[in-house]
Amino acid sequence: MTGRRFVILDRDGTIIQERNYLADPAGVEFLPGSIEGLQVMRDCGMGLVVISNQSGIGRGYFTESDLMNVHTRIEDLLSEAGVILDGIYFCPHSPEDRCSCRKPEPGLLLCAAEDLGFIPEECIVIGDKACDIELGRRAGAITILVRTGYGASTERDGKAQPDFVADSLLEAAEYMKRLPAQGGIGENRL
């Protein structure tokens, strides 16, 4: 095991603007505070992994090659800002496929943990949807709902019970700096 804490991040609505079935790299637009938040997490020594449901592939809206071009664009822009991702994992299936890799199922998180050598229960899962928070709960991880993307409506509708709620990835990262290197979440809420 690596001994460092990993952050599991949703993609759309958490790091980049929510776009319906994004297949064009030109459509990549980072949310306010997301690059800065990722920089803070990296500066704290945390590993960064993106896990994303991409049912547009399974529905025939775009190809895996299209998706890889979008991910390359994201990684290139982040690299220019000094942020390197440890991995991007995605589920290409539609909800009807009932696979083990579509969030909130933990298949991709467990795969990332095995590939990168981290303990799922010691990671932090951040996203804007109930499925992101449920993924974290199933893994026994700390969960943070961001109010970006669908996050504000997810919070308002009570569809998720995160450990913390933050306005942006930067606010989440600033809070995470106060967490112990491993283990519990403490008593404070954002």
Foldseek 3Di string as FASTA:
>chain_A
DPLFAEEEEEPDQAFFDHDDQDLALVRTHGDPQNLVLLVLCVVLVYAYEYEYERCCCQVVVHHVVSVVSNVVSVQVVSVVVVGHHPYYHYHNHDVVVVDQRDFPRQVVVVVCCVVVVDQLLFYEFEEQAQSRQSNSVVSNHAYEHECTDNNVVCVVVVSHDGPEYYPHSNRVSVQCSPDPRGDDDDDDYD
